[in-house]
Amino acid sequence: MALLTFFVLSALMSALVFLIKNKTMIKLITIAYALVHIIFSAYCWNNLNGTELIYFTFDSPGVLMLSVLSVKSTPHLPQ
């Protein structure tokens, strides 16, 4: 269920960034997405080798790659 929630939130935030033209709101959405990504990575580490949606299994290499992407997706916003 967490995986489906992550997919839905990602799609929703992507659509909002595409539709909203306010730079401040886009920055806030970007920060919120980074937090969602980090929280999902922590969830995956806690459920290592678990399967969701019958198809996706959180194996060690996949979760490690997700963690690297979580760190990479953290925004570096200019002041």
PDB file of N, CA and C in Angstrom:
ATOM      1  N   MET A   1       0.821  -1.197   0.000  1.00  0.00           N
ATOM      2  CA  MET A   1       0.000   0.000   0.000  1.00  0.00           C
ATOM      3  C   MET A   1       0.863   1.258   0.000  1.00  0.00           C
ATOM      4  N   ALA A   2       2.024   1.198   0.660  1.00  0.00           N
ATOM      5  CA  ALA A   2       2.908   2.369   0.701  1.00  0.00           C
ATOM      6  C   ALA A   2       3.461   2.679  -0.681  1.00  0.00           C
ATOM      7  N   LEU A   3       3.713   1.639  -1.463  1.00  0.00           N
ATOM      8  CA  LEU A   3       4.239   1.842  -2.811  1.00  0.00           C
ATOM      9  C   LEU A   3       3.216   2.552  -3.692  1.00  0.00           C
ATOM     10  N   LEU A   4       1.983   2.145  -3.606  1.00  0.00           N
ATOM     11  CA  LEU A   4       0.922   2.793  -4.378  1.00  0.00           C
ATOM     12  C   LEU A   4       0.751   4.247  -3.938  1.00  0.00           C
ATOM     13  N   THR A   5       0.826   4.499  -2.647  1.00  0.00           N
ATOM     14  CA  THR A   5       0.744   5.869  -2.128  1.00  0.00           C
ATOM     15  C   THR A   5       1.895   6.710  -2.657  1.00  0.00           C
ATOM     16  N   PHE A   6       3.101   6.125  -2.678  1.00  0.00           N
ATOM     17  CA  PHE A   6       4.264   6.833  -3.207  1.00  0.00           C
ATOM     18  C   PHE A   6       4.068   7.169  -4.681  1.00  0.00           C
ATOM     19  N   PHE A   7       3.561   6.218  -5.470  1.00  0.00           N
ATOM     20  CA  PHE A   7       3.325   6.473  -6.892  1.00  0.00           C
ATOM     21  C   PHE A   7       2.306   7.599  -7.094  1.00  0.00           C
ATOM     22  N   VAL A   8       1.225   7.551  -6.329  1.00  0.00           N
ATOM     23  CA  VAL A   8       0.172   8.565  -6.470  1.00  0.00           C
ATOM     24  C   VAL A   8       0.688   9.944  -6.063  1.00  0.00           C
ATOM     25  N   LEU A   9       1.397  10.022  -4.940  1.00  0.00           N
ATOM     26  CA  LEU A   9       1.946  11.310  -4.496  1.00  0.00           C
ATOM     27  C   LEU A   9       2.957  11.864  -5.498  1.00  0.00           C
ATOM     28  N   SER A  10       3.776  11.001  -6.060  1.00  0.00           N
ATOM     29  CA  SER A  10       4.752  11.448  -7.057  1.00  0.00           C
ATOM     30  C   SER A  10       4.067  12.017  -8.285  1.00  0.00           C
ATOM     31  N   ALA A  11       3.043  11.332  -8.771  1.00  0.00           N
ATOM     32  CA  ALA A  11       2.312  11.817  -9.942  1.00  0.00           C
ATOM     33  C   ALA A  11       1.596  13.129  -9.639  1.00  0.00           C
ATOM     34  N   LEU A  12       1.002  13.221  -8.453  1.00  0.00           N
ATOM     35  CA  LEU A  12       0.288  14.431  -8.067  1.00  0.00           C
ATOM     36  C   LEU A  12       1.241  15.623  -7.950  1.00  0.00           C
ATOM     37  N   MET A  13       2.386  15.412  -7.310  1.00  0.00           N
ATOM     38  CA  MET A  13       3.349  16.505  -7.156  1.00  0.00           C
ATOM     39  C   MET A  13       3.942  16.917  -8.504  1.00  0.00           C
ATOM     40  N   SER A  14       4.153  15.962  -9.392  1.00  0.00           N
ATOM     41  CA  SER A  14       4.655  16.289 -10.727  1.00  0.00           C
ATOM     42  C   SER A  14       3.648  17.140 -11.489  1.00  0.00           C
ATOM     43  N   ALA A  15       2.392  16.776 -11.399  1.00  0.00           N
ATOM     44  CA  ALA A  15       1.350  17.553 -12.072  1.00  0.00           C
ATOM     45  C   ALA A  15       1.252  18.962 -11.487  1.00  0.00           C
ATOM     46  N   LEU A  16       1.367  19.086 -10.179  1.00  0.00           N
ATOM     47  CA  LEU A  16       1.312  20.407  -9.549  1.00  0.00           C
ATOM     48  C   LEU A  16       2.477  21.291  -9.993  1.00  0.00           C
ATOM     49  N   VAL A  17       3.674  20.713 -10.069  1.00  0.00           N
ATOM     50  CA  VAL A  17       4.835  21.495 -10.515  1.00  0.00           C
ATOM     51  C   VAL A  17       4.638  21.944 -11.956  1.00  0.00           C
ATOM     52  N   PHE A  18       4.035  21.095 -12.769  1.00  0.00           N
ATOM     53  CA  PHE A  18       3.789  21.446 -14.166  1.00  0.00           C
ATOM     54  C   PHE A  18       2.747  22.544 -14.299  1.00  0.00           C
ATOM     55  N   LEU A  19       1.727  22.523 -13.455  1.00  0.00           N
ATOM     56  CA  LEU A  19       0.614  23.458 -13.578  1.00  0.00           C
ATOM     57  C   LEU A  19       0.839  24.783 -12.858  1.00  0.00           C
ATOM     58  N   ILE A  20       1.567  24.776 -11.764  1.00  0.00           N
ATOM     59  CA  ILE A  20       1.757  25.982 -10.959  1.00  0.00           C
ATOM     60  C   ILE A  20       2.943  26.769 -11.496  1.00  0.00           C
ATOM     61  N   LYS A  21       2.776  28.063 -11.598  1.00  0.00           N
ATOM     62  CA  LYS A  21       3.845  28.914 -12.116  1.00  0.00           C
ATOM     63  C   LYS A  21       4.532  29.737 -11.022  1.00  0.00           C
ATOM     64  N   ASN A  22       4.080  29.629  -9.792  1.00  0.00           N
ATOM     65  CA  ASN A  22       4.659  30.359  -8.675  1.00  0.00           C
ATOM     66  C   ASN A  22       5.936  29.651  -8.208  1.00  0.00           C
ATOM     67  N   LYS A  23       7.082  30.336  -8.268  1.00  0.00           N
ATOM     68  CA  LYS A  23       8.357  29.714  -7.940  1.00  0.00           C
ATOM     69  C   LYS A  23       8.434  29.278  -6.484  1.00  0.00           C
ATOM     70  N   THR A  24       7.852  30.034  -5.594  1.00  0.00           N
ATOM     71  CA  THR A  24       7.870  29.676  -4.178  1.00  0.00           C
ATOM     72  C   THR A  24       7.100  28.372  -3.944  1.00  0.00           C
ATOM     73  N   MET A  25       5.953  28.227  -4.570  1.00  0.00           N
ATOM     74  CA  MET A  25       5.167  26.999  -4.423  1.00  0.00           C
ATOM     75  C   MET A  25       5.900  25.804  -5.036  1.00  0.00           C
ATOM     76  N   ILE A  26       6.569  26.022  -6.158  1.00  0.00           N
ATOM     77  CA  ILE A  26       7.325  24.947  -6.787  1.00  0.00           C
ATOM     78  C   ILE A  26       8.457  24.487  -5.867  1.00  0.00           C
ATOM     79  N   LYS A  27       9.124  25.431  -5.214  1.00  0.00           N
ATOM     80  CA  LYS A  27      10.188  25.074  -4.266  1.00  0.00           C
ATOM     81  C   LYS A  27       9.627  24.273  -3.100  1.00  0.00           C
ATOM     82  N   LEU A  28       8.471  24.670  -2.584  1.00  0.00           N
ATOM     83  CA  LEU A  28       7.850  23.942  -1.473  1.00  0.00           C
ATOM     84  C   LEU A  28       7.444  22.530  -1.885  1.00  0.00           C
ATOM     85  N   ILE A  29       6.904  22.388  -3.085  1.00  0.00           N
ATOM     86  CA  ILE A  29       6.516  21.071  -3.582  1.00  0.00           C
ATOM     87  C   ILE A  29       7.752  20.199  -3.781  1.00  0.00           C
ATOM     88  N   THR A  30       8.829  20.792  -4.257  1.00  0.00           N
ATOM     89  CA  THR A  30      10.072  20.051  -4.446  1.00  0.00           C
ATOM     90  C   THR A  30      10.624  19.548  -3.115  1.00  0.00           C
ATOM     91  N   ILE A  31      10.591  20.393  -2.104  1.00  0.00           N
ATOM     92  CA  ILE A  31      11.043  19.980  -0.773  1.00  0.00           C
ATOM     93  C   ILE A  31      10.132  18.884  -0.217  1.00  0.00           C
ATOM     94  N   ALA A  32       8.828  19.024  -0.424  1.00  0.00           N
ATOM     95  CA  ALA A  32       7.887  18.005   0.045  1.00  0.00           C
ATOM     96  C   ALA A  32       8.141  16.670  -0.668  1.00  0.00           C
ATOM     97  N   TYR A  33       8.442  16.716  -1.965  1.00  0.00           N
ATOM     98  CA  TYR A  33       8.734  15.482  -2.699  1.00  0.00           C
ATOM     99  C   TYR A  33      10.008  14.817  -2.159  1.00  0.00           C
ATOM    100  N   ALA A  34      11.022  15.623  -1.875  1.00  0.00           N
ATOM    101  CA  ALA A  34      12.263  15.061  -1.326  1.00  0.00           C
ATOM    102  C   ALA A  34      11.993  14.380   0.008  1.00  0.00           C
ATOM    103  N   LEU A  35      11.171  14.981   0.840  1.00  0.00           N
ATOM    104  CA  LEU A  35      10.817  14.370   2.126  1.00  0.00           C
ATOM    105  C   LEU A  35      10.030  13.072   1.940  1.00  0.00           C
ATOM    106  N   VAL A  36       9.100  13.066   0.999  1.00  0.00           N
ATOM    107  CA  VAL A  36       8.336  11.852   0.714  1.00  0.00           C
ATOM    108  C   VAL A  36       9.282  10.752   0.234  1.00  0.00           C
ATOM    109  N   HIS A  37      10.242  11.110  -0.603  1.00  0.00           N
ATOM    110  CA  HIS A  37      11.202  10.142  -1.134  1.00  0.00           C
ATOM    111  C   HIS A  37      12.063   9.554  -0.012  1.00  0.00           C
ATOM    112  N   ILE A  38      12.521  10.390   0.899  1.00  0.00           N
ATOM    113  CA  ILE A  38      13.337   9.921   2.020  1.00  0.00           C
ATOM    114  C   ILE A  38      12.517   9.036   2.959  1.00  0.00           C
ATOM    115  N   ILE A  39      11.294   9.422   3.229  1.00  0.00           N
ATOM    116  CA  ILE A  39      10.420   8.610   4.082  1.00  0.00           C
ATOM    117  C   ILE A  39      10.149   7.255   3.437  1.00  0.00           C
ATOM    118  N   PHE A  40       9.926   7.242   2.122  1.00  0.00           N
ATOM    119  CA  PHE A  40       9.693   5.980   1.432  1.00  0.00           C
ATOM    120  C   PHE A  40      10.942   5.104   1.463  1.00  0.00           C
ATOM    121  N   SER A  41      12.109   5.706   1.355  1.00  0.00           N
ATOM    122  CA  SER A  41      13.361   4.936   1.443  1.00  0.00           C
ATOM    123  C   SER A  41      13.503   4.293   2.820  1.00  0.00           C
ATOM    124  N   ALA A  42      13.181   5.038   3.860  1.00  0.00           N
ATOM    125  CA  ALA A  42      13.232   4.481   5.217  1.00  0.00           C
ATOM    126  C   ALA A  42      12.231   3.337   5.363  1.00  0.00           C
ATOM    127  N   TYR A  43      11.055   3.495   4.774  1.00  0.00           N
ATOM    128  CA  TYR A  43      10.050   2.426   4.809  1.00  0.00           C
ATOM    129  C   TYR A  43      10.582   1.167   4.124  1.00  0.00           C
ATOM    130  N   CYS A  44      11.253   1.349   2.999  1.00  0.00           N
ATOM    131  CA  CYS A  44      11.798   0.202   2.268  1.00  0.00           C
ATOM    132  C   CYS A  44      12.884  -0.505   3.067  1.00  0.00           C
ATOM    133  N   TRP A  45      13.747   0.258   3.744  1.00  0.00           N
ATOM    134  CA  TRP A  45      14.780  -0.359   4.581  1.00  0.00           C
ATOM    135  C   TRP A  45      14.146  -1.155   5.717  1.00  0.00           C
ATOM    136  N   ASN A  46      13.060  -0.650   6.276  1.00  0.00           N
ATOM    137  CA  ASN A  46      12.383  -1.356   7.369  1.00  0.00           C
ATOM    138  C   ASN A  46      11.653  -2.605   6.885  1.00  0.00           C
ATOM    139  N   ASN A  47      11.298  -2.647   5.609  1.00  0.00           N
ATOM    140  CA  ASN A  47      10.571  -3.797   5.041  1.00  0.00           C
ATOM    141  C   ASN A  47      11.407  -4.508   3.984  1.00  0.00           C
ATOM    142  N   LEU A  48      12.693  -4.646   4.252  1.00  0.00           N
ATOM    143  CA  LEU A  48      13.602  -5.289   3.317  1.00  0.00           C
ATOM    144  C   LEU A  48      13.135  -6.709   3.026  1.00  0.00           C
ATOM    145  N   ASN A  49      13.166  -7.085   1.758  1.00  0.00           N
ATOM    146  CA  ASN A  49      12.710  -8.385   1.235  1.00  0.00           C
ATOM    147  C   ASN A  49      11.204  -8.576   1.349  1.00  0.00           C
ATOM    148  N   GLY A  50      10.487  -7.497   1.598  1.00  0.00           N
ATOM    149  CA  GLY A  50       9.033  -7.551   1.583  1.00  0.00           C
ATOM    150  C   GLY A  50       8.520  -7.318   0.169  1.00  0.00           C
ATOM    151  N   THR A  51       7.338  -7.798  -0.120  1.00  0.00           N
ATOM    152  CA  THR A  51       6.744  -7.644  -1.452  1.00  0.00           C
ATOM    153  C   THR A  51       5.475  -6.814  -1.342  1.00  0.00           C
ATOM    154  N   GLU A  52       5.332  -5.877  -2.285  1.00  0.00           N
ATOM    155  CA  GLU A  52       4.122  -5.052  -2.338  1.00  0.00           C
ATOM    156  C   GLU A  52       3.534  -5.104  -3.737  1.00  0.00           C
ATOM    157  N   LEU A  53       2.248  -5.001  -3.808  1.00  0.00           N
ATOM    158  CA  LEU A  53       1.493  -5.034  -5.057  1.00  0.00           C
ATOM    159  C   LEU A  53       1.809  -6.294  -5.865  1.00  0.00           C
ATOM    160  N   ILE A  54       2.092  -7.384  -5.194  1.00  0.00           N
ATOM    161  CA  ILE A  54       2.340  -8.714  -5.733  1.00  0.00           C
ATOM    162  C   ILE A  54       3.614  -8.792  -6.579  1.00  0.00           C
ATOM    163  N   TYR A  55       4.146  -7.682  -7.035  1.00  0.00           N
ATOM    164  CA  TYR A  55       5.239  -7.703  -8.003  1.00  0.00           C
ATOM    165  C   TYR A  55       6.541  -7.116  -7.481  1.00  0.00           C
ATOM    166  N   PHE A  56       6.479  -6.058  -6.704  1.00  0.00           N
ATOM    167  CA  PHE A  56       7.666  -5.325  -6.279  1.00  0.00           C
ATOM    168  C   PHE A  56       8.209  -5.875  -4.959  1.00  0.00           C
ATOM    169  N   THR A  57       9.482  -6.276  -4.971  1.00  0.00           N
ATOM    170  CA  THR A  57      10.149  -6.768  -3.771  1.00  0.00           C
ATOM    171  C   THR A  57      11.277  -5.817  -3.415  1.00  0.00           C
ATOM    172  N   PHE A  58      11.347  -5.435  -2.156  1.00  0.00           N
ATOM    173  CA  PHE A  58      12.384  -4.516  -1.692  1.00  0.00           C
ATOM    174  C   PHE A  58      13.649  -5.320  -1.374  1.00  0.00           C
ATOM    175  N   ASP A  59      14.485  -5.553  -2.395  1.00  0.00           N
ATOM    176  CA  ASP A  59      15.731  -6.276  -2.176  1.00  0.00           C
ATOM    177  C   ASP A  59      16.858  -5.288  -1.874  1.00  0.00           C
ATOM    178  N   SER A  60      17.971  -5.804  -1.384  1.00  0.00           N
ATOM    179  CA  SER A  60      19.075  -4.954  -0.928  1.00  0.00           C
ATOM    180  C   SER A  60      19.632  -4.021  -2.006  1.00  0.00           C
ATOM    181  N   PRO A  61      19.968  -4.502  -3.211  1.00  0.00           N
ATOM    182  CA  PRO A  61      20.506  -3.575  -4.216  1.00  0.00           C
ATOM    183  C   PRO A  61      19.501  -2.498  -4.629  1.00  0.00           C
ATOM    184  N   GLY A  62      18.234  -2.883  -4.719  1.00  0.00           N
ATOM    185  CA  GLY A  62      17.208  -1.915  -5.110  1.00  0.00           C
ATOM    186  C   GLY A  62      16.999  -0.829  -4.066  1.00  0.00           C
ATOM    187  N   VAL A  63      16.977  -1.235  -2.811  1.00  0.00           N
ATOM    188  CA  VAL A  63      16.786  -0.266  -1.729  1.00  0.00           C
ATOM    189  C   VAL A  63      18.012   0.629  -1.589  1.00  0.00           C
ATOM    190  N   LEU A  64      19.192   0.066  -1.819  1.00  0.00           N
ATOM    191  CA  LEU A  64      20.405   0.884  -1.795  1.00  0.00           C
ATOM    192  C   LEU A  64      20.362   1.932  -2.906  1.00  0.00           C
ATOM    193  N   MET A  65      19.949   1.533  -4.104  1.00  0.00           N
ATOM    194  CA  MET A  65      19.832   2.483  -5.218  1.00  0.00           C
ATOM    195  C   MET A  65      18.765   3.541  -4.910  1.00  0.00           C
ATOM    196  N   LEU A  66      17.667   3.138  -4.317  1.00  0.00           N
ATOM    197  CA  LEU A  66      16.626   4.091  -3.928  1.00  0.00           C
ATOM    198  C   LEU A  66      17.163   5.096  -2.923  1.00  0.00           C
ATOM    199  N   SER A  67      17.997   4.641  -1.997  1.00  0.00           N
ATOM    200  CA  SER A  67      18.586   5.548  -1.012  1.00  0.00           C
ATOM    201  C   SER A  67      19.524   6.557  -1.665  1.00  0.00           C
ATOM    202  N   VAL A  68      20.302   6.097  -2.635  1.00  0.00           N
ATOM    203  CA  VAL A  68      21.178   7.020  -3.374  1.00  0.00           C
ATOM    204  C   VAL A  68      20.343   8.055  -4.121  1.00  0.00           C
ATOM    205  N   LEU A  69      19.261   7.613  -4.731  1.00  0.00           N
ATOM    206  CA  LEU A  69      18.381   8.553  -5.433  1.00  0.00           C
ATOM    207  C   LEU A  69      17.698   9.516  -4.466  1.00  0.00           C
ATOM    208  N   SER A  70      17.399   9.058  -3.271  1.00  0.00           N
ATOM    209  CA  SER A  70      16.793   9.942  -2.267  1.00  0.00           C
ATOM    210  C   SER A  70      17.754  11.067  -1.894  1.00  0.00           C
ATOM    211  N   VAL A  71      19.014  10.727  -1.718  1.00  0.00           N
ATOM    212  CA  VAL A  71      20.004  11.752  -1.393  1.00  0.00           C
ATOM    213  C   VAL A  71      20.186  12.687  -2.586  1.00  0.00           C
ATOM    214  N   LYS A  72      20.192  12.118  -3.774  1.00  0.00           N
ATOM    215  CA  LYS A  72      20.377  12.922  -4.987  1.00  0.00           C
ATOM    216  C   LYS A  72      19.177  13.828  -5.247  1.00  0.00           C
ATOM    217  N   SER A  73      17.973  13.390  -4.879  1.00  0.00           N
ATOM    218  CA  SER A  73      16.787  14.195  -5.156  1.00  0.00           C
ATOM    219  C   SER A  73      16.590  15.335  -4.146  1.00  0.00           C
ATOM    220  N   THR A  74      17.422  15.359  -3.109  1.00  0.00           N
ATOM    221  CA  THR A  74      17.313  16.447  -2.141  1.00  0.00           C
ATOM    222  C   THR A  74      17.668  17.750  -2.830  1.00  0.00           C
ATOM    223  N   PRO A  75      16.757  18.732  -2.796  1.00  0.00           N
ATOM    224  CA  PRO A  75      17.002  19.969  -3.547  1.00  0.00           C
ATOM    225  C   PRO A  75      18.114  20.832  -2.934  1.00  0.00           C
ATOM    226  N   HIS A  76      18.869  21.427  -3.810  1.00  0.00           N
ATOM    227  CA  HIS A  76      19.882  22.403  -3.412  1.00  0.00           C
ATOM    228  C   HIS A  76      19.393  23.751  -3.917  1.00  0.00           C
ATOM    229  N   LEU A  77      18.566  24.381  -3.113  1.00  0.00           N
ATOM    230  CA  LEU A  77      17.911  25.616  -3.539  1.00  0.00           C
ATOM    231  C   LEU A  77      18.815  26.821  -3.296  1.00  0.00           C
ATOM    232  N   PRO A  78      18.913  27.691  -4.282  1.00  0.00           N
ATOM    233  CA  PRO A  78      19.698  28.910  -4.070  1.00  0.00           C
ATOM    234  C   PRO A  78      19.000  29.850  -3.091  1.00  0.00           C
ATOM    235  N   GLN A  79      19.783  30.631  -2.394  1.00  0.00           N
ATOM    236  CA  GLN A  79      19.198  31.562  -1.410  1.00  0.00           C
ATOM    237  C   GLN A  79      18.678  32.810  -2.077  1.00  0.00           C
TER     238      GLN A  79
END
